[in-house]
Every structure is written in structure tokens, then in C-alpha cells.
Amino acid sequence: MRDTARRAPRILARCAQVALAAAAVADAFRAVAVRDHYLHPTVASLHRSGSVSMIFFDLMTLAIVLFLVWLARSRSAAQELSPEASVPSRGWTIGAWFIPVVNLFVPRRLVLDIGRASTSQWEQKRGTTLVNLWWAAWVAHAVVLVVVGRMAPGSMAVLVVAEALMLAAAVLLGLVIERVTAALPGRPS
């Protein structure tokens, strides 16, 4: 077994979790600032919503990069631990997130495959349920923002539902990261 398989990406996992949490909180502030500007457009509200949106964008970009690097390292470690397991290729592990329509279905399966390949003790029902809950919250968040948000722009109800789903997805993804990282044996990296 190579050294990579013995080292679970624990520090990278923590960094991704913190970045996800920060991005989710920033998204809530961004949504409120943008709604405020939509309802009461002033130069000050425009500046505030723009500033908060940039902070959110930067934090979300950082969270995405850290998550994808963590996912790729976890995939490599899982593949070394279980060479016979069905683990996606390195390119597909990252690329599937950026292909329209494919990104609504395939990444969930990739995370499940990596979790299952991580250890023979992967709890099928608990691990699968956690990933499914995260994915449902994430897709529901996107649907609420894109579909419902266009039907009722500026709606406080839509804002609350969308942000609750975003926060739920962030918390659940943090738990998914924790579960997969804990399944990878070894010392912290």
C-alpha cells in the first residue's frame, strides 16, 4: 500500500468544511442584501449587495476548489485501498461537476462510489442516506433559486426556503466529507 492510501486528507477536509460553512453564511447575507436592493434600490444598497456578493463569490470559489481537491485526493486514496472497486477516473471525478445536466446526477454517484471504496466498513444505508439528503438539499436549493425565484422575485418566502436549503446542503456536505474522510485510514496529512 502506498503512502497516499495511508494518509487520509484530513486537514484538507477541515479546510473544505470551514470554507463551505463560511460560503453558506455569506450566501445568506448576500441574499438579504440583494433582496434589500431589489425592494429599495439606492446607491448604498447597490454597493452593499455588490460587496457582499463579491465576498460570497470568493468564499464559494474557495470552497469549490477545496472540495474538489479533497474529493480527488479521497478518490485516489480509496482507489489505492480498493483497486478492484468501481472508482471514477480522476478527470471524471472533477469534470462531471461542470457538465450541464450531467452535474445534476453523476456527482452524487461519484461521492457514493468513493465512500464505498474507502473502506469495507462503509455503512451502506447511513452513508447512502447522508449523501442522498445532501444531494436532495443541494438540487432543491438550485431549483428554488432558478425556477421559483424567477416566478416570485424578491419574495421573502422564496429567500427563506432557498437559504434554508443552502445551509442544510452545506451542513450535510460537511458531514459527508467527515464520513468519507473518517473511512480513509491513516494519519492526518
Protein backbone atom coordinates (compact mmCIF):
# COMPACT_ATOMS: atom_id res chain seq x y z
CA MET A 1 0.00 0.00 0.00
CA ARG A 2 1.44 3.33 -0.99
CA ASP A 3 1.79 6.25 1.41
CA THR A 4 -1.06 8.18 -0.22
CA ALA A 5 -3.55 5.48 0.77
CA ARG A 6 -2.40 5.60 4.39
CA ARG A 7 -2.86 9.38 4.59
CA ALA A 8 -6.45 10.50 4.66
CA PRO A 9 -6.84 14.12 3.53
CA ARG A 10 -7.97 15.27 6.98
CA ILE A 11 -6.55 18.81 7.02
CA LEU A 12 -7.86 19.40 3.51
CA ALA A 13 -11.25 18.06 4.66
CA ARG A 14 -11.33 20.54 7.57
CA CYS A 15 -10.40 23.42 5.28
CA ALA A 16 -13.16 22.46 2.84
CA GLN A 17 -15.68 22.19 5.67
CA VAL A 18 -14.77 25.62 7.06
CA ALA A 19 -14.89 27.19 3.59
CA LEU A 20 -18.30 25.60 2.93
CA ALA A 21 -19.67 26.93 6.20
CA ALA A 22 -18.31 30.41 5.53
CA ALA A 23 -19.73 30.41 1.98
CA ALA A 24 -23.16 29.28 3.22
CA VAL A 25 -23.28 32.04 5.83
CA ALA A 26 -22.06 34.61 3.28
CA ASP A 27 -24.78 33.42 0.89
CA ALA A 28 -27.44 34.19 3.49
CA PHE A 29 -26.06 37.72 3.93
CA ARG A 30 -25.79 38.10 0.14
CA ALA A 31 -29.40 37.05 -0.39
CA VAL A 32 -30.65 39.53 2.20
CA ALA A 33 -28.54 42.37 0.72
CA VAL A 34 -29.68 41.62 -2.84
CA ARG A 35 -33.33 41.43 -1.74
CA ASP A 36 -32.96 44.73 0.11
CA HIS A 37 -31.57 46.36 -3.02
CA TYR A 38 -34.36 44.82 -5.13
CA LEU A 39 -37.01 46.25 -2.81
CA HIS A 40 -35.30 49.60 -2.05
CA PRO A 41 -32.82 50.43 -4.81
CA THR A 42 -30.32 53.03 -3.66
CA VAL A 43 -26.65 53.61 -4.32
CA ALA A 44 -25.87 52.40 -0.78
CA SER A 45 -27.92 49.21 -1.17
CA LEU A 46 -26.29 48.57 -4.56
CA HIS A 47 -22.82 48.98 -3.04
CA ARG A 48 -23.71 46.77 -0.06
CA SER A 49 -25.22 43.99 -2.20
CA GLY A 50 -22.25 44.15 -4.59
CA SER A 51 -19.70 43.95 -1.77
CA VAL A 52 -21.45 41.06 -0.02
CA SER A 53 -21.91 39.27 -3.35
CA MET A 54 -18.16 39.52 -4.06
CA ILE A 55 -17.32 38.14 -0.63
CA PHE A 56 -19.75 35.26 -1.23
CA PHE A 57 -18.29 34.63 -4.70
CA ASP A 58 -14.74 34.50 -3.33
CA LEU A 59 -15.70 32.19 -0.45
CA MET A 60 -17.74 29.91 -2.70
CA THR A 61 -14.89 29.69 -5.21
CA LEU A 62 -12.51 28.75 -2.39
CA ALA A 63 -14.99 26.17 -1.06
CA ILE A 64 -15.44 24.61 -4.51
CA VAL A 65 -11.71 24.37 -5.12
CA LEU A 66 -11.02 22.87 -1.68
CA PHE A 67 -13.91 20.42 -2.02
CA LEU A 68 -12.79 19.23 -5.47
CA VAL A 69 -9.17 18.85 -4.36
CA TRP A 70 -10.37 16.91 -1.28
CA LEU A 71 -12.63 14.75 -3.48
CA ALA A 72 -9.79 13.97 -5.92
CA ARG A 73 -7.41 13.07 -3.07
CA SER A 74 -10.09 10.93 -1.42
CA ARG A 75 -10.71 9.18 -4.74
CA SER A 76 -7.00 8.39 -5.10
CA ALA A 77 -6.76 7.08 -1.54
CA ALA A 78 -9.92 4.99 -1.96
CA GLN A 79 -8.64 3.55 -5.24
CA GLU A 80 -5.35 2.56 -3.63
CA LEU A 81 -7.21 0.90 -0.77
CA SER A 82 -9.65 -0.92 -3.07
CA PRO A 83 -8.12 -1.27 -6.55
CA GLU A 84 -10.95 -3.57 -7.66
CA ALA A 85 -13.69 -1.16 -6.57
CA SER A 86 -15.65 0.93 -9.04
CA VAL A 87 -14.00 4.32 -8.55
CA PRO A 88 -14.36 7.07 -11.16
CA SER A 89 -11.34 8.38 -13.03
CA ARG A 90 -9.60 11.49 -11.72
CA GLY A 91 -10.82 13.59 -14.66
CA TRP A 92 -14.41 12.40 -14.37
CA THR A 93 -14.42 12.99 -10.59
CA ILE A 94 -13.86 16.70 -11.20
CA GLY A 95 -15.23 17.15 -14.72
CA ALA A 96 -18.70 15.75 -14.01
CA TRP A 97 -19.41 18.77 -11.80
CA PHE A 98 -19.06 21.16 -14.76
CA ILE A 99 -21.12 19.41 -17.46
CA PRO A 100 -24.68 20.76 -17.63
CA VAL A 101 -27.43 18.24 -16.82
CA VAL A 102 -24.78 15.59 -16.01
CA ASN A 103 -23.94 17.67 -12.93
CA LEU A 104 -27.47 17.08 -11.62
CA PHE A 105 -26.98 13.31 -11.32
CA VAL A 106 -23.44 11.99 -11.70
CA PRO A 107 -21.56 13.76 -8.85
CA ARG A 108 -23.85 12.12 -6.26
CA ARG A 109 -22.94 8.70 -7.66
CA LEU A 110 -19.23 9.60 -7.67
CA VAL A 111 -19.30 10.54 -3.98
CA LEU A 112 -21.14 7.29 -3.17
CA ASP A 113 -18.59 5.24 -5.14
CA ILE A 114 -15.67 6.93 -3.37
CA GLY A 115 -17.29 6.37 0.03
CA ARG A 116 -17.92 2.69 -0.70
CA ALA A 117 -14.38 2.16 -1.97
CA SER A 118 -12.91 3.89 1.09
CA THR A 119 -13.50 1.01 3.44
CA SER A 120 -15.26 -2.31 3.73
CA GLN A 121 -16.96 -0.91 6.83
CA TRP A 122 -18.71 1.88 4.86
CA GLU A 123 -22.18 1.82 6.27
CA GLN A 124 -24.27 1.35 3.15
CA LYS A 125 -27.56 2.68 4.48
CA ARG A 126 -26.18 5.50 6.66
CA GLY A 127 -23.63 6.63 4.09
CA THR A 128 -26.09 6.45 1.22
CA THR A 129 -28.81 8.24 3.20
CA LEU A 130 -26.45 11.06 4.17
CA VAL A 131 -25.26 11.55 0.59
CA ASN A 132 -28.85 11.42 -0.70
CA LEU A 133 -30.01 14.03 1.84
CA TRP A 134 -27.12 16.34 0.92
CA TRP A 135 -27.79 15.93 -2.78
CA ALA A 136 -31.55 16.49 -2.39
CA ALA A 137 -30.95 19.70 -0.42
CA TRP A 138 -28.41 20.91 -2.99
CA VAL A 139 -30.62 20.23 -6.03
CA ALA A 140 -33.71 21.62 -4.26
CA HIS A 141 -31.75 24.81 -3.47
CA ALA A 142 -30.87 25.21 -7.15
CA VAL A 143 -34.47 24.57 -8.24
CA VAL A 144 -35.87 27.07 -5.75
CA LEU A 145 -33.37 29.73 -6.85
CA VAL A 146 -33.77 29.23 -10.58
CA VAL A 147 -37.41 28.28 -11.02
CA VAL A 148 -39.33 29.63 -8.04
CA GLY A 149 -37.11 32.71 -7.68
CA ARG A 150 -37.97 33.80 -11.23
CA MET A 151 -41.68 33.32 -10.61
CA ALA A 152 -41.65 35.39 -7.42
CA PRO A 153 -38.62 37.71 -7.44
CA GLY A 154 -38.00 39.44 -4.13
CA SER A 155 -40.24 37.02 -2.24
CA MET A 156 -39.22 36.60 1.39
CA ALA A 157 -40.66 33.07 1.44
CA VAL A 158 -38.52 32.04 -1.54
CA LEU A 159 -35.48 33.64 0.08
CA VAL A 160 -36.00 31.81 3.37
CA VAL A 161 -36.59 28.44 1.68
CA ALA A 162 -33.59 28.85 -0.64
CA GLU A 163 -31.26 29.87 2.17
CA ALA A 164 -32.51 27.11 4.48
CA LEU A 165 -31.79 24.59 1.74
CA MET A 166 -28.33 26.11 1.12
CA LEU A 167 -27.46 25.93 4.81
CA ALA A 168 -28.81 22.37 5.05
CA ALA A 169 -26.80 21.33 1.98
CA ALA A 170 -23.63 22.88 3.44
CA VAL A 171 -24.08 21.13 6.80
CA LEU A 172 -24.87 17.81 5.12
CA LEU A 173 -21.89 18.12 2.77
CA GLY A 174 -19.70 18.82 5.79
CA LEU A 175 -20.98 15.57 7.31
CA VAL A 176 -20.39 13.69 4.03
CA ILE A 177 -16.81 14.99 3.97
CA GLU A 178 -16.40 13.87 7.58
CA ARG A 179 -17.80 10.39 6.90
CA VAL A 180 -15.66 9.74 3.82
CA THR A 181 -12.51 11.15 5.44
CA ALA A 182 -13.06 9.06 8.57
CA ALA A 183 -13.43 5.95 6.39
CA LEU A 184 -9.96 6.51 4.93
CA PRO A 185 -7.45 5.00 7.35
CA GLY A 186 -4.18 6.60 8.28
CA ARG A 187 -2.57 9.53 9.93
CA PRO A 188 -3.63 13.10 9.29
CA SER A 189 -2.00 14.81 6.32
